[in-house]
C-alpha atoms as a PDB file:
ATOM      1  CA  MET A   1     -39.427   8.168  41.615  1.00  0.00           C
ATOM      2  CA  ALA A   2     -42.156  10.182  40.406  1.00  0.00           C
ATOM      3  CA  LYS A   3     -45.566  10.006  41.848  1.00  0.00           C
ATOM      4  CA  LEU A   4     -49.020  10.087  40.406  1.00  0.00           C
ATOM      5  CA  ARG A   5     -50.661  12.993  42.729  1.00  0.00           C
ATOM      6  CA  HIS A   6     -52.848  14.670  39.652  1.00  0.00           C
ATOM      7  CA  ILE A   7     -55.864  14.301  37.613  1.00  0.00           C
ATOM      8  CA  ALA A   8     -57.396  17.281  35.075  1.00  0.00           C
ATOM      9  CA  MET A   9     -60.521  16.359  33.322  1.00  0.00           C
ATOM     10  CA  LEU A  10     -62.285  18.292  30.803  1.00  0.00           C
ATOM     11  CA  VAL A  11     -66.205  19.666  31.466  1.00  0.00           C
ATOM     12  CA  GLU A  12     -69.555  21.604  30.162  1.00  0.00           C
ATOM     13  CA  ASP A  13     -70.104  22.115  34.140  1.00  0.00           C
ATOM     14  CA  ILE A  14     -67.512  22.341  36.503  1.00  0.00           C
ATOM     15  CA  GLU A  15     -69.537  23.458  39.042  1.00  0.00           C
ATOM     16  CA  LYS A  16     -72.024  20.537  39.397  1.00  0.00           C
ATOM     17  CA  THR A  17     -68.493  17.894  38.712  1.00  0.00           C
ATOM     18  CA  ALA A  18     -67.193  20.004  41.233  1.00  0.00           C
ATOM     19  CA  MET A  19     -70.126  18.780  44.192  1.00  0.00           C
ATOM     20  CA  PHE A  20     -69.904  15.549  43.335  1.00  0.00           C
ATOM     21  CA  TYR A  21     -66.632  15.069  43.750  1.00  0.00           C
ATOM     22  CA  GLU A  22     -67.336  17.399  47.398  1.00  0.00           C
ATOM     23  CA  LYS A  23     -70.136  15.482  48.277  1.00  0.00           C
ATOM     24  CA  SER A  24     -69.375  12.402  47.181  1.00  0.00           C
ATOM     25  CA  PHE A  25     -66.080  11.595  47.806  1.00  0.00           C
ATOM     26  CA  GLY A  26     -65.142  14.246  50.479  1.00  0.00           C
ATOM     27  CA  MET A  27     -62.617  16.647  48.131  1.00  0.00           C
ATOM     28  CA  LYS A  28     -62.269  19.917  49.765  1.00  0.00           C
ATOM     29  CA  ARG A  29     -62.221  23.079  46.370  1.00  0.00           C
ATOM     30  CA  VAL A  30     -58.367  24.590  46.968  1.00  0.00           C
ATOM     31  CA  ARG A  31     -58.135  27.337  44.265  1.00  0.00           C
ATOM     32  CA  GLU A  32     -61.156  28.282  42.053  1.00  0.00           C
ATOM     33  CA  HIS A  33     -61.641  30.423  39.243  1.00  0.00           C
ATOM     34  CA  GLU A  34     -63.748  30.844  36.635  1.00  0.00           C
ATOM     35  CA  THR A  35     -63.539  28.496  33.707  1.00  0.00           C
ATOM     36  CA  ALA A  36     -61.781  25.762  36.454  1.00  0.00           C
ATOM     37  CA  ILE A  37     -62.081  24.041  40.490  1.00  0.00           C
ATOM     38  CA  ALA A  38     -58.753  22.954  41.808  1.00  0.00           C
ATOM     39  CA  MET A  39     -59.584  20.298  44.614  1.00  0.00           C
ATOM     40  CA  SER A  40     -57.334  18.138  47.106  1.00  0.00           C
ATOM     41  CA  ASP A  41     -57.987  15.548  49.551  1.00  0.00           C
ATOM     42  CA  GLY A  42     -54.315  15.844  50.574  1.00  0.00           C
ATOM     43  CA  VAL A  43     -52.040  13.495  48.293  1.00  0.00           C
ATOM     44  CA  VAL A  44     -54.428  13.383  45.138  1.00  0.00           C
ATOM     45  CA  SER A  45     -55.287  16.616  42.715  1.00  0.00           C
ATOM     46  CA  LEU A  46     -58.521  16.899  41.130  1.00  0.00           C
ATOM     47  CA  VAL A  47     -58.906  19.833  38.643  1.00  0.00           C
ATOM     48  CA  ILE A  48     -62.250  20.260  37.021  1.00  0.00           C
ATOM     49  CA  ILE A  49     -61.514  23.060  33.606  1.00  0.00           C
ATOM     50  CA  HIS A  50     -63.889  23.994  31.164  1.00  0.00           C
ATOM     51  CA  PRO A  51     -62.830  23.728  27.250  1.00  0.00           C
ATOM     52  CA  ASP A  52     -62.937  28.435  28.130  1.00  0.00           C
ATOM     53  CA  ASN A  53     -59.904  28.441  29.869  1.00  0.00           C
ATOM     54  CA  PRO A  54     -57.088  29.959  28.138  1.00  0.00           C
ATOM     55  CA  ASN A  55     -54.982  26.284  27.639  1.00  0.00           C
ATOM     56  CA  MET A  56     -57.474  24.073  26.802  1.00  0.00           C
ATOM     57  CA  LYS A  57     -56.862  26.139  23.099  1.00  0.00           C
ATOM     58  CA  GLY A  58     -59.425  24.755  21.379  1.00  0.00           C
ATOM     59  CA  GLU A  59     -59.579  20.904  23.554  1.00  0.00           C
ATOM     60  CA  THR A  60     -62.271  19.098  21.575  1.00  0.00           C
ATOM     61  CA  VAL A  61     -62.369  16.056  23.594  1.00  0.00           C
ATOM     62  CA  ARG A  62     -64.141  15.414  27.256  1.00  0.00           C
ATOM     63  CA  GLY A  63     -63.753  13.520  30.190  1.00  0.00           C
ATOM     64  CA  LEU A  64     -59.616  12.977  31.674  1.00  0.00           C
ATOM     65  CA  HIS A  65     -57.663  15.599  29.506  1.00  0.00           C
ATOM     66  CA  HIS A  66     -54.558  14.224  31.118  1.00  0.00           C
ATOM     67  CA  ILE A  67     -52.629  12.872  34.291  1.00  0.00           C
ATOM     68  CA  GLY A  68     -49.638  14.722  36.898  1.00  0.00           C
ATOM     69  CA  PHE A  69     -46.295  13.194  38.302  1.00  0.00           C
ATOM     70  CA  LEU A  70     -44.761  14.505  41.177  1.00  0.00           C
ATOM     71  CA  ILE A  71     -40.658  14.183  40.167  1.00  0.00           C
ATOM     72  CA  ASP A  72     -37.602  15.937  42.588  1.00  0.00           C
ATOM     73  CA  ASP A  73     -34.814  16.697  39.449  1.00  0.00           C
ATOM     74  CA  MET A  74     -36.749  19.025  36.244  1.00  0.00           C
ATOM     75  CA  ASP A  75     -33.548  17.900  34.296  1.00  0.00           C
ATOM     76  CA  LYS A  76     -33.137  14.029  35.280  1.00  0.00           C
ATOM     77  CA  VAL A  77     -37.411  13.461  33.864  1.00  0.00           C
ATOM     78  CA  THR A  78     -36.786  16.117  31.246  1.00  0.00           C
ATOM     79  CA  ARG A  79     -34.728  14.245  29.409  1.00  0.00           C
ATOM     80  CA  ALA A  80     -35.707  10.482  30.734  1.00  0.00           C
ATOM     81  CA  VAL A  81     -38.989  11.291  29.042  1.00  0.00           C
ATOM     82  CA  GLU A  82     -37.878  13.123  26.148  1.00  0.00           C
ATOM     83  CA  SER A  83     -35.718   9.738  25.943  1.00  0.00           C
ATOM     84  CA  ASN A  84     -38.992   7.821  25.927  1.00  0.00           C
ATOM     85  CA  GLY A  85     -40.648   9.611  22.935  1.00  0.00           C
ATOM     86  CA  ALA A  86     -42.367  12.311  25.177  1.00  0.00           C
ATOM     87  CA  LYS A  87     -43.640  15.233  23.367  1.00  0.00           C
ATOM     88  CA  PHE A  88     -43.493  18.402  24.617  1.00  0.00           C
ATOM     89  CA  HIS A  89     -46.110  21.057  25.020  1.00  0.00           C
ATOM     90  CA  GLY A  90     -44.608  23.843  26.788  1.00  0.00           C
ATOM     91  CA  GLY A  91     -46.009  24.808  30.816  1.00  0.00           C
ATOM     92  CA  ILE A  92     -48.894  26.291  32.002  1.00  0.00           C
ATOM     93  CA  LEU A  93     -50.186  29.521  31.520  1.00  0.00           C
ATOM     94  CA  GLY A  94     -50.488  32.348  34.216  1.00  0.00           C
ATOM     95  CA  THR A  95     -49.194  29.751  37.565  1.00  0.00           C
ATOM     96  CA  GLY A  96     -45.929  28.704  39.205  1.00  0.00           C
ATOM     97  CA  SER A  97     -41.772  29.717  37.861  1.00  0.00           C
ATOM     98  CA  GLY A  98     -42.850  28.061  35.127  1.00  0.00           C
ATOM     99  CA  LEU A  99     -40.600  25.711  32.996  1.00  0.00           C
ATOM    100  CA  GLU A 100     -38.957  25.813  35.668  1.00  0.00           C
ATOM    101  CA  THR A 101     -41.622  24.050  38.356  1.00  0.00           C
ATOM    102  CA  GLU A 102     -44.167  22.221  35.349  1.00  0.00           C
ATOM    103  CA  ARG A 103     -44.212  21.112  31.841  1.00  0.00           C
ATOM    104  CA  LYS A 104     -45.985  19.394  29.639  1.00  0.00           C
ATOM    105  CA  TYR A 105     -46.399  16.574  27.892  1.00  0.00           C
ATOM    106  CA  SER A 106     -47.214  13.905  25.380  1.00  0.00           C
ATOM    107  CA  ASP A 107     -46.353   9.768  25.260  1.00  0.00           C
ATOM    108  CA  PRO A 108     -46.335   8.198  22.545  1.00  0.00           C
ATOM    109  CA  ASN A 109     -49.439   7.321  22.299  1.00  0.00           C
ATOM    110  CA  GLY A 110     -50.833  10.979  22.628  1.00  0.00           C
ATOM    111  CA  VAL A 111     -52.016  10.443  26.946  1.00  0.00           C
ATOM    112  CA  ASN A 112     -51.518  14.174  27.939  1.00  0.00           C
ATOM    113  CA  PHE A 113     -49.196  14.593  31.610  1.00  0.00           C
ATOM    114  CA  ASP A 114     -47.357  16.527  33.236  1.00  0.00           C
ATOM    115  CA  ILE A 115     -44.619  16.374  35.328  1.00  0.00           C
ATOM    116  CA  THR A 116     -44.500  19.321  38.168  1.00  0.00           C
ATOM    117  CA  MET A 117     -42.078  19.926  41.427  1.00  0.00           C
ATOM    118  CA  PRO A 118     -43.000  19.812  44.888  1.00  0.00           C
ATOM    119  CA  GLU A 119     -42.896  23.826  44.947  1.00  0.00           C
ATOM    120  CA  TYR A 120     -45.789  24.328  42.876  1.00  0.00           C
ATOM    121  CA  ALA A 121     -47.619  21.061  43.507  1.00  0.00           C
ATOM    122  CA  ARG A 122     -47.447  22.406  46.979  1.00  0.00           C
ATOM    123  CA  ASP A 123     -48.943  26.013  46.058  1.00  0.00           C
ATOM    124  CA  PHE A 124     -51.337  25.406  43.538  1.00  0.00           C
ATOM    125  CA  TRP A 125     -52.596  21.725  43.347  1.00  0.00           C
ATOM    126  CA  LYS A 126     -52.395  22.206  47.395  1.00  0.00           C
ATOM    127  CA  ILE A 127     -51.297  18.428  47.798  1.00  0.00           C
ATOM    128  CA  SER A 128     -48.651  17.404  50.883  1.00  0.00           C
ATOM    129  CA  VAL A 129     -45.151  16.844  49.411  1.00  0.00           C
ATOM    130  CA  ASP A 130     -43.440  15.552  52.040  1.00  0.00           C
ATOM    131  CA  GLY A 131     -41.182  12.127  50.618  1.00  0.00           C
ATOM    132  CA  ALA A 132     -41.304  13.980  47.222  1.00  0.00           C
END
Protein backbone atom coordinates (compact mmCIF):
# COMPACT_ATOMS: atom_id res chain seq x y z
CA MET A 1 0.00 0.00 0.00
CA ALA A 2 1.26 3.49 -0.83
CA LYS A 3 1.88 5.86 2.08
CA LEU A 4 1.65 9.66 1.99
CA ARG A 5 5.11 10.79 3.14
CA HIS A 6 5.98 14.00 1.27
CA ILE A 7 4.56 17.51 0.93
CA ALA A 8 6.09 20.31 -1.13
CA MET A 9 5.23 23.98 -1.12
CA LEU A 10 6.31 26.80 -3.40
CA VAL A 11 7.03 30.06 -1.58
CA GLU A 12 8.94 33.30 -2.10
CA ASP A 13 10.84 33.25 1.22
CA ILE A 14 12.13 29.73 1.84
CA GLU A 15 14.26 30.70 4.86
CA LYS A 16 11.41 32.41 6.71
CA THR A 17 9.12 29.48 5.95
CA ALA A 18 11.68 26.91 7.12
CA MET A 19 12.25 28.82 10.34
CA PHE A 20 8.49 28.82 10.98
CA TYR A 21 8.28 25.01 10.71
CA GLU A 22 11.45 24.56 12.78
CA LYS A 23 10.28 26.81 15.60
CA SER A 24 6.59 25.87 15.50
CA PHE A 25 6.77 22.10 15.00
CA GLY A 26 10.39 21.09 15.66
CA MET A 27 11.04 19.95 12.11
CA LYS A 28 14.70 19.43 11.22
CA ARG A 29 16.55 20.57 8.11
CA VAL A 30 17.86 17.53 6.26
CA ARG A 31 19.02 19.05 2.96
CA GLU A 32 19.51 22.60 1.69
CA HIS A 33 20.07 24.20 -1.68
CA GLU A 34 19.93 27.85 -2.66
CA THR A 35 16.40 27.34 -4.01
CA ALA A 36 15.03 24.62 -1.69
CA ILE A 37 15.09 23.50 1.93
CA ALA A 38 14.09 19.94 2.80
CA MET A 39 12.82 19.26 6.30
CA SER A 40 11.61 16.16 8.11
CA ASP A 41 9.96 15.08 11.31
CA GLY A 42 11.32 11.57 10.69
CA VAL A 43 8.08 10.34 9.12
CA VAL A 44 7.01 13.03 6.64
CA SER A 45 9.19 15.12 4.35
CA LEU A 46 8.38 18.81 3.81
CA VAL A 47 10.25 20.51 0.97
CA ILE A 48 10.06 24.29 0.75
CA ILE A 49 10.85 25.42 -2.80
CA HIS A 50 11.60 28.86 -4.25
CA PRO A 51 10.11 29.65 -7.69
CA ASP A 52 13.67 29.99 -9.13
CA ASN A 53 14.28 26.25 -8.57
CA PRO A 54 14.93 24.64 -11.99
CA ASN A 55 12.31 21.95 -11.30
CA MET A 56 9.56 24.57 -11.05
CA LYS A 57 9.72 25.49 -14.76
CA GLY A 58 8.00 28.86 -14.37
CA GLU A 59 5.30 27.79 -11.90
CA THR A 60 3.21 30.76 -10.83
CA VAL A 61 1.02 29.14 -8.15
CA ARG A 62 2.22 29.60 -4.58
CA GLY A 63 1.48 27.37 -1.61
CA LEU A 64 0.95 23.60 -1.77
CA HIS A 65 2.71 22.32 -4.88
CA HIS A 66 2.49 18.53 -4.67
CA ILE A 67 2.23 15.51 -2.42
CA GLY A 68 4.36 12.38 -2.55
CA PHE A 69 3.59 8.71 -1.99
CA LEU A 70 6.11 6.16 -0.77
CA ILE A 71 5.58 2.99 -2.81
CA ASP A 72 7.18 -0.45 -3.03
CA ASP A 73 6.73 -1.36 -6.71
CA MET A 74 7.32 1.33 -9.36
CA ASP A 75 6.01 -0.70 -12.31
CA LYS A 76 2.81 -1.79 -10.54
CA VAL A 77 1.97 1.68 -9.21
CA THR A 78 2.86 3.33 -12.53
CA ARG A 79 0.38 1.06 -14.30
CA ALA A 80 -2.27 1.73 -11.65
CA VAL A 81 -2.04 5.53 -11.67
CA GLU A 82 -1.82 5.76 -15.47
CA SER A 83 -4.77 3.41 -16.00
CA ASN A 84 -6.78 5.58 -13.60
CA GLY A 85 -6.15 8.80 -15.50
CA ALA A 86 -2.89 10.23 -14.10
CA LYS A 87 -0.78 12.31 -16.48
CA PHE A 88 2.98 11.65 -16.44
CA HIS A 89 5.25 14.72 -16.06
CA GLY A 90 8.72 13.17 -15.75
CA GLY A 91 11.19 12.91 -12.89
CA ILE A 92 12.97 15.32 -10.62
CA LEU A 93 16.11 16.87 -12.06
CA GLY A 94 19.52 16.11 -10.62
CA THR A 95 18.78 13.64 -7.81
CA GLY A 96 18.25 9.93 -7.34
CA SER A 97 18.32 7.25 -10.00
CA GLY A 98 15.89 8.87 -12.38
CA LEU A 99 12.55 7.31 -13.24
CA GLU A 100 13.45 4.06 -11.48
CA THR A 101 13.06 5.71 -8.07
CA GLU A 102 10.82 8.79 -8.50
CA ARG A 103 8.17 9.91 -11.01
CA LYS A 104 5.90 12.95 -11.18
CA TYR A 105 2.24 12.93 -12.21
CA SER A 106 -0.95 14.94 -11.98
CA ASP A 107 -4.24 13.35 -11.01
CA PRO A 108 -7.44 13.76 -13.08
CA ASN A 109 -8.11 17.06 -11.24
CA GLY A 110 -4.66 18.45 -12.01
CA VAL A 111 -3.21 17.94 -8.51
CA ASN A 112 0.50 17.09 -8.75
CA PHE A 113 1.92 14.05 -6.97
CA ASP A 114 5.09 11.95 -6.86
CA ILE A 115 5.47 8.20 -6.56
CA THR A 116 8.73 7.35 -4.88
CA MET A 117 10.68 4.20 -4.07
CA PRO A 118 12.11 3.68 -0.55
CA GLU A 119 15.74 4.38 -1.48
CA TYR A 120 14.87 7.83 -2.82
CA ALA A 121 12.69 8.63 0.20
CA ARG A 122 15.43 7.50 2.58
CA ASP A 123 18.26 9.35 0.77
CA PHE A 124 16.51 12.58 -0.24
CA TRP A 125 13.41 13.04 1.93
CA LYS A 126 15.38 11.70 4.93
CA ILE A 127 12.47 9.72 6.33
CA SER A 128 12.14 6.22 7.72
CA VAL A 129 11.14 3.71 5.09
CA ASP A 130 10.66 0.77 7.44
CA GLY A 131 7.73 -1.33 6.39
CA ALA A 132 7.55 0.29 2.94
